[in-house]
PDB file of N, CA and C in Angstrom:
ATOM      1  N   MET A   1      -4.064  -5.244  16.079  1.00  0.00           N
ATOM      2  CA  MET A   1      -2.708  -4.792  15.884  1.00  0.00           C
ATOM      3  C   MET A   1      -2.679  -3.323  15.485  1.00  0.00           C
ATOM      4  N   ALA A   2      -1.786  -2.605  16.067  1.00  0.00           N
ATOM      5  CA  ALA A   2      -1.616  -1.193  15.738  1.00  0.00           C
ATOM      6  C   ALA A   2      -0.704  -1.057  14.521  1.00  0.00           C
ATOM      7  N   VAL A   3      -0.938  -0.021  13.740  1.00  0.00           N
ATOM      8  CA  VAL A   3      -0.118   0.258  12.563  1.00  0.00           C
ATOM      9  C   VAL A   3       0.679   1.523  12.824  1.00  0.00           C
ATOM     10  N   ARG A   4       1.952   1.465  12.500  1.00  0.00           N
ATOM     11  CA  ARG A   4       2.817   2.635  12.633  1.00  0.00           C
ATOM     12  C   ARG A   4       3.367   2.976  11.263  1.00  0.00           C
ATOM     13  N   LEU A   5       3.389   4.240  10.938  1.00  0.00           N
ATOM     14  CA  LEU A   5       3.914   4.699   9.659  1.00  0.00           C
ATOM     15  C   LEU A   5       5.264   5.356   9.872  1.00  0.00           C
ATOM     16  N   ARG A   6       6.199   5.033   9.012  1.00  0.00           N
ATOM     17  CA  ARG A   6       7.517   5.643   9.085  1.00  0.00           C
ATOM     18  C   ARG A   6       7.822   6.275   7.735  1.00  0.00           C
ATOM     19  N   VAL A   7       8.224   7.523   7.736  1.00  0.00           N
ATOM     20  CA  VAL A   7       8.547   8.239   6.511  1.00  0.00           C
ATOM     21  C   VAL A   7      10.067   8.251   6.369  1.00  0.00           C
ATOM     22  N   GLU A   8      10.527   7.791   5.222  1.00  0.00           N
ATOM     23  CA  GLU A   8      11.966   7.728   4.967  1.00  0.00           C
ATOM     24  C   GLU A   8      12.326   8.620   3.788  1.00  0.00           C
ATOM     25  N   VAL A   9      13.434   9.337   3.916  1.00  0.00           N
ATOM     26  CA  VAL A   9      13.986  10.139   2.831  1.00  0.00           C
ATOM     27  C   VAL A   9      15.202   9.386   2.313  1.00  0.00           C
ATOM     28  N   LEU A  10      15.173   9.021   1.047  1.00  0.00           N
ATOM     29  CA  LEU A  10      16.251   8.237   0.461  1.00  0.00           C
ATOM     30  C   LEU A  10      17.384   9.137  -0.034  1.00  0.00           C
ATOM     31  N   ASP A  11      18.519   8.517  -0.324  1.00  0.00           N
ATOM     32  CA  ASP A  11      19.720   9.265  -0.707  1.00  0.00           C
ATOM     33  C   ASP A  11      19.576  10.059  -1.998  1.00  0.00           C
ATOM     34  N   ASN A  12      18.641   9.675  -2.861  1.00  0.00           N
ATOM     35  CA  ASN A  12      18.502  10.381  -4.129  1.00  0.00           C
ATOM     36  C   ASN A  12      17.613  11.628  -4.041  1.00  0.00           C
ATOM     37  N   CYS A  13      17.254  12.047  -2.841  1.00  0.00           N
ATOM     38  CA  CYS A  13      16.479  13.275  -2.646  1.00  0.00           C
ATOM     39  C   CYS A  13      17.323  14.476  -3.089  1.00  0.00           C
ATOM     40  N   VAL A  14      16.692  15.348  -3.896  1.00  0.00           N
ATOM     41  CA  VAL A  14      17.389  16.536  -4.380  1.00  0.00           C
ATOM     42  C   VAL A  14      16.864  17.823  -3.743  1.00  0.00           C
ATOM     43  N   GLY A  15      15.897  17.699  -2.852  1.00  0.00           N
ATOM     44  CA  GLY A  15      15.366  18.878  -2.176  1.00  0.00           C
ATOM     45  C   GLY A  15      14.510  19.755  -3.065  1.00  0.00           C
ATOM     46  N   CYS A  16      13.684  19.136  -3.905  1.00  0.00           N
ATOM     47  CA  CYS A  16      12.837  19.913  -4.817  1.00  0.00           C
ATOM     48  C   CYS A  16      11.697  20.624  -4.077  1.00  0.00           C
ATOM     49  N   GLY A  17      11.321  20.116  -2.901  1.00  0.00           N
ATOM     50  CA  GLY A  17      10.297  20.773  -2.091  1.00  0.00           C
ATOM     51  C   GLY A  17       8.890  20.261  -2.287  1.00  0.00           C
ATOM     52  N   ILE A  18       8.689  19.376  -3.231  1.00  0.00           N
ATOM     53  CA  ILE A  18       7.341  18.893  -3.498  1.00  0.00           C
ATOM     54  C   ILE A  18       6.776  18.144  -2.295  1.00  0.00           C
ATOM     55  N   CYS A  19       7.551  17.278  -1.691  1.00  0.00           N
ATOM     56  CA  CYS A  19       7.036  16.444  -0.594  1.00  0.00           C
ATOM     57  C   CYS A  19       6.559  17.273   0.590  1.00  0.00           C
ATOM     58  N   TRP A  20       7.343  18.260   0.997  1.00  0.00           N
ATOM     59  CA  TRP A  20       6.907  19.041   2.160  1.00  0.00           C
ATOM     60  C   TRP A  20       5.825  20.041   1.796  1.00  0.00           C
ATOM     61  N   THR A  21       5.657  20.327   0.522  1.00  0.00           N
ATOM     62  CA  THR A  21       4.579  21.202   0.085  1.00  0.00           C
ATOM     63  C   THR A  21       3.237  20.471   0.058  1.00  0.00           C
ATOM     64  N   VAL A  22       3.244  19.204  -0.376  1.00  0.00           N
ATOM     65  CA  VAL A  22       1.983  18.461  -0.493  1.00  0.00           C
ATOM     66  C   VAL A  22       1.566  17.761   0.799  1.00  0.00           C
ATOM     67  N   CYS A  23       2.438  17.648   1.773  1.00  0.00           N
ATOM     68  CA  CYS A  23       2.102  16.954   3.021  1.00  0.00           C
ATOM     69  C   CYS A  23       1.106  17.775   3.842  1.00  0.00           C
ATOM     70  N   PRO A  24      -0.105  17.246   4.064  1.00  0.00           N
ATOM     71  CA  PRO A  24      -1.114  18.010   4.801  1.00  0.00           C
ATOM     72  C   PRO A  24      -0.852  18.086   6.303  1.00  0.00           C
ATOM     73  N   LYS A  25       0.044  17.265   6.815  1.00  0.00           N
ATOM     74  CA  LYS A  25       0.298  17.221   8.256  1.00  0.00           C
ATOM     75  C   LYS A  25       1.620  17.864   8.675  1.00  0.00           C
ATOM     76  N   GLY A  26       2.416  18.306   7.723  1.00  0.00           N
ATOM     77  CA  GLY A  26       3.687  18.951   8.057  1.00  0.00           C
ATOM     78  C   GLY A  26       4.729  17.975   8.569  1.00  0.00           C
ATOM     79  N   VAL A  27       4.706  16.758   8.069  1.00  0.00           N
ATOM     80  CA  VAL A  27       5.658  15.735   8.518  1.00  0.00           C
ATOM     81  C   VAL A  27       7.065  16.035   8.016  1.00  0.00           C
ATOM     82  N   LEU A  28       7.151  16.619   6.825  1.00  0.00           N
ATOM     83  CA  LEU A  28       8.444  16.879   6.194  1.00  0.00           C
ATOM     84  C   LEU A  28       8.728  18.372   6.098  1.00  0.00           C
ATOM     85  N   THR A  29      10.003  18.698   6.062  1.00  0.00           N
ATOM     86  CA  THR A  29      10.442  20.071   5.832  1.00  0.00           C
ATOM     87  C   THR A  29      11.773  20.004   5.104  1.00  0.00           C
ATOM     88  N   GLY A  30      12.329  21.131   4.823  1.00  0.00           N
ATOM     89  CA  GLY A  30      13.631  21.181   4.173  1.00  0.00           C
ATOM     90  C   GLY A  30      13.877  22.559   3.609  1.00  0.00           C
ATOM     91  N   THR A  31      14.990  22.664   2.897  1.00  0.00           N
ATOM     92  CA  THR A  31      15.306  23.889   2.188  1.00  0.00           C
ATOM     93  C   THR A  31      15.522  23.525   0.733  1.00  0.00           C
ATOM     94  N   LEU A  32      15.149  24.402  -0.168  1.00  0.00           N
ATOM     95  CA  LEU A  32      15.311  24.103  -1.578  1.00  0.00           C
ATOM     96  C   LEU A  32      16.759  23.766  -1.885  1.00  0.00           C
ATOM     97  N   ARG A  33      16.915  22.708  -2.632  1.00  0.00           N
ATOM     98  CA  ARG A  33      18.204  22.144  -3.035  1.00  0.00           C
ATOM     99  C   ARG A  33      18.968  21.515  -1.873  1.00  0.00           C
ATOM    100  N   GLY A  34      18.352  21.477  -0.688  1.00  0.00           N
ATOM    101  CA  GLY A  34      18.877  20.686   0.421  1.00  0.00           C
ATOM    102  C   GLY A  34      18.105  19.385   0.398  1.00  0.00           C
ATOM    103  N   ARG A  35      18.225  18.582   1.386  1.00  0.00           N
ATOM    104  CA  ARG A  35      17.475  17.340   1.437  1.00  0.00           C
ATOM    105  C   ARG A  35      16.240  17.508   2.304  1.00  0.00           C
ATOM    106  N   ALA A  36      15.203  16.769   1.997  1.00  0.00           N
ATOM    107  CA  ALA A  36      14.006  16.780   2.846  1.00  0.00           C
ATOM    108  C   ALA A  36      14.363  16.187   4.206  1.00  0.00           C
ATOM    109  N   VAL A  37      13.676  16.664   5.224  1.00  0.00           N
ATOM    110  CA  VAL A  37      13.908  16.209   6.591  1.00  0.00           C
ATOM    111  C   VAL A  37      12.572  15.823   7.200  1.00  0.00           C
ATOM    112  N   VAL A  38      12.538  14.676   7.857  1.00  0.00           N
ATOM    113  CA  VAL A  38      11.327  14.224   8.544  1.00  0.00           C
ATOM    114  C   VAL A  38      11.287  14.907   9.908  1.00  0.00           C
ATOM    115  N   LEU A  39      10.265  15.721  10.136  1.00  0.00           N
ATOM    116  CA  LEU A  39      10.113  16.399  11.427  1.00  0.00           C
ATOM    117  C   LEU A  39       9.558  15.448  12.478  1.00  0.00           C
ATOM    118  N   ASN A  40       8.453  14.792  12.136  1.00  0.00           N
ATOM    119  CA  ASN A  40       7.811  13.893  13.090  1.00  0.00           C
ATOM    120  C   ASN A  40       6.903  12.940  12.319  1.00  0.00           C
ATOM    121  N   ASP A  41       7.380  11.724  12.079  1.00  0.00           N
ATOM    122  CA  ASP A  41       6.570  10.799  11.291  1.00  0.00           C
ATOM    123  C   ASP A  41       5.381  10.235  12.064  1.00  0.00           C
ATOM    124  N   GLU A  42       5.286  10.531  13.354  1.00  0.00           N
ATOM    125  CA  GLU A  42       4.103  10.127  14.122  1.00  0.00           C
ATOM    126  C   GLU A  42       2.875  10.946  13.712  1.00  0.00           C
ATOM    127  N   LEU A  43       3.095  12.077  13.065  1.00  0.00           N
ATOM    128  CA  LEU A  43       1.994  12.905  12.580  1.00  0.00           C
ATOM    129  C   LEU A  43       1.440  12.394  11.255  1.00  0.00           C
ATOM    130  N   CYS A  44       2.142  11.479  10.601  1.00  0.00           N
ATOM    131  CA  CYS A  44       1.758  10.987   9.278  1.00  0.00           C
ATOM    132  C   CYS A  44       0.388  10.322   9.326  1.00  0.00           C
ATOM    133  N   SER A  45      -0.501  10.746   8.409  1.00  0.00           N
ATOM    134  CA  SER A  45      -1.849  10.190   8.348  1.00  0.00           C
ATOM    135  C   SER A  45      -1.964   9.047   7.338  1.00  0.00           C
ATOM    136  N   GLY A  46      -0.883   8.785   6.609  1.00  0.00           N
ATOM    137  CA  GLY A  46      -0.892   7.698   5.647  1.00  0.00           C
ATOM    138  C   GLY A  46      -1.526   8.045   4.319  1.00  0.00           C
ATOM    139  N   CYS A  47      -1.525   9.302   3.934  1.00  0.00           N
ATOM    140  CA  CYS A  47      -2.114   9.687   2.648  1.00  0.00           C
ATOM    141  C   CYS A  47      -1.185   9.383   1.472  1.00  0.00           C
ATOM    142  N   PHE A  48       0.085   9.171   1.754  1.00  0.00           N
ATOM    143  CA  PHE A  48       1.101   8.831   0.753  1.00  0.00           C
ATOM    144  C   PHE A  48       1.318   9.925  -0.289  1.00  0.00           C
ATOM    145  N   SER A  49       0.862  11.146  -0.024  1.00  0.00           N
ATOM    146  CA  SER A  49       1.041  12.247  -0.978  1.00  0.00           C
ATOM    147  C   SER A  49       2.508  12.530  -1.245  1.00  0.00           C
ATOM    148  N   CYS A  50       3.318  12.490  -0.229  1.00  0.00           N
ATOM    149  CA  CYS A  50       4.743  12.764  -0.403  1.00  0.00           C
ATOM    150  C   CYS A  50       5.379  11.727  -1.326  1.00  0.00           C
ATOM    151  N   GLN A  51       5.085  10.478  -1.079  1.00  0.00           N
ATOM    152  CA  GLN A  51       5.650   9.377  -1.867  1.00  0.00           C
ATOM    153  C   GLN A  51       5.142   9.415  -3.305  1.00  0.00           C
ATOM    154  N   GLU A  52       3.855   9.626  -3.478  1.00  0.00           N
ATOM    155  CA  GLU A  52       3.251   9.601  -4.811  1.00  0.00           C
ATOM    156  C   GLU A  52       3.646  10.795  -5.673  1.00  0.00           C
ATOM    157  N   ASN A  53       3.958  11.919  -5.052  1.00  0.00           N
ATOM    158  CA  ASN A  53       4.282  13.128  -5.811  1.00  0.00           C
ATOM    159  C   ASN A  53       5.768  13.363  -6.018  1.00  0.00           C
ATOM    160  N   CYS A  54       6.609  12.563  -5.402  1.00  0.00           N
ATOM    161  CA  CYS A  54       8.054  12.749  -5.552  1.00  0.00           C
ATOM    162  C   CYS A  54       8.497  12.280  -6.940  1.00  0.00           C
ATOM    163  N   PRO A  55       9.020  13.188  -7.773  1.00  0.00           N
ATOM    164  CA  PRO A  55       9.437  12.802  -9.120  1.00  0.00           C
ATOM    165  C   PRO A  55      10.713  11.960  -9.131  1.00  0.00           C
ATOM    166  N   TYR A  56      11.394  11.867  -8.004  1.00  0.00           N
ATOM    167  CA  TYR A  56      12.648  11.128  -7.909  1.00  0.00           C
ATOM    168  C   TYR A  56      12.510   9.813  -7.143  1.00  0.00           C
ATOM    169  N   ASN A  57      11.286   9.498  -6.705  1.00  0.00           N
ATOM    170  CA  ASN A  57      11.043   8.305  -5.879  1.00  0.00           C
ATOM    171  C   ASN A  57      11.976   8.266  -4.672  1.00  0.00           C
ATOM    172  N   ALA A  58      12.151   9.428  -4.057  1.00  0.00           N
ATOM    173  CA  ALA A  58      13.082   9.554  -2.943  1.00  0.00           C
ATOM    174  C   ALA A  58      12.405   9.530  -1.577  1.00  0.00           C
ATOM    175  N   ILE A  59      11.072   9.452  -1.556  1.00  0.00           N
ATOM    176  CA  ILE A  59      10.335   9.402  -0.301  1.00  0.00           C
ATOM    177  C   ILE A  59       9.596   8.075  -0.238  1.00  0.00           C
ATOM    178  N   ARG A  60       9.700   7.443   0.905  1.00  0.00           N
ATOM    179  CA  ARG A  60       9.018   6.167   1.092  1.00  0.00           C
ATOM    180  C   ARG A  60       8.262   6.207   2.410  1.00  0.00           C
ATOM    181  N   VAL A  61       6.987   5.818   2.353  1.00  0.00           N
ATOM    182  CA  VAL A  61       6.191   5.674   3.571  1.00  0.00           C
ATOM    183  C   VAL A  61       6.107   4.177   3.849  1.00  0.00           C
ATOM    184  N   VAL A  62       6.658   3.769   4.973  1.00  0.00           N
ATOM    185  CA  VAL A  62       6.725   2.355   5.339  1.00  0.00           C
ATOM    186  C   VAL A  62       5.653   2.086   6.385  1.00  0.00           C
ATOM    187  N   VAL A  63       4.831   1.078   6.124  1.00  0.00           N
ATOM    188  CA  VAL A  63       3.776   0.683   7.046  1.00  0.00           C
ATOM    189  C   VAL A  63       4.280  -0.498   7.874  1.00  0.00           C
ATOM    190  N   LYS A  64       4.291  -0.313   9.192  1.00  0.00           N
ATOM    191  CA  LYS A  64       4.752  -1.376  10.082  1.00  0.00           C
ATOM    192  C   LYS A  64       3.637  -1.734  11.035  1.00  0.00           C
ATOM    193  N   GLN A  65       3.431  -3.004  11.223  1.00  0.00           N
ATOM    194  CA  GLN A  65       2.429  -3.471  12.191  1.00  0.00           C
ATOM    195  C   GLN A  65       3.104  -3.727  13.516  1.00  0.00           C
ATOM    196  N   GLN A  66       2.495  -3.249  14.559  1.00  0.00           N
ATOM    197  CA  GLN A  66       3.029  -3.445  15.910  1.00  0.00           C
ATOM    198  C   GLN A  66       2.065  -4.328  16.689  1.00  0.00           C
ATOM    199  N   PRO A  67       2.618  -5.226  17.470  1.00  0.00           N
ATOM    200  CA  PRO A  67       1.753  -6.104  18.284  1.00  0.00           C
ATOM    201  C   PRO A  67       1.015  -5.344  19.355  1.00  0.00           C
TER     202      PRO A  67
END
């Protein structure tokens, strides 16, 4: 089974910039005090750095199994 990762930005995102700064693959971007934006979650390597470093718990990496 193949695994697909989906990066979600939740409504409580304040645009602090931590997630797009720590992402080694450039999956996220944004502007300070704007909301984070997912550029391409197919680039996500599954390191969970964005999710683990978000002080607002506003980023979620969802692991989905595909047949």
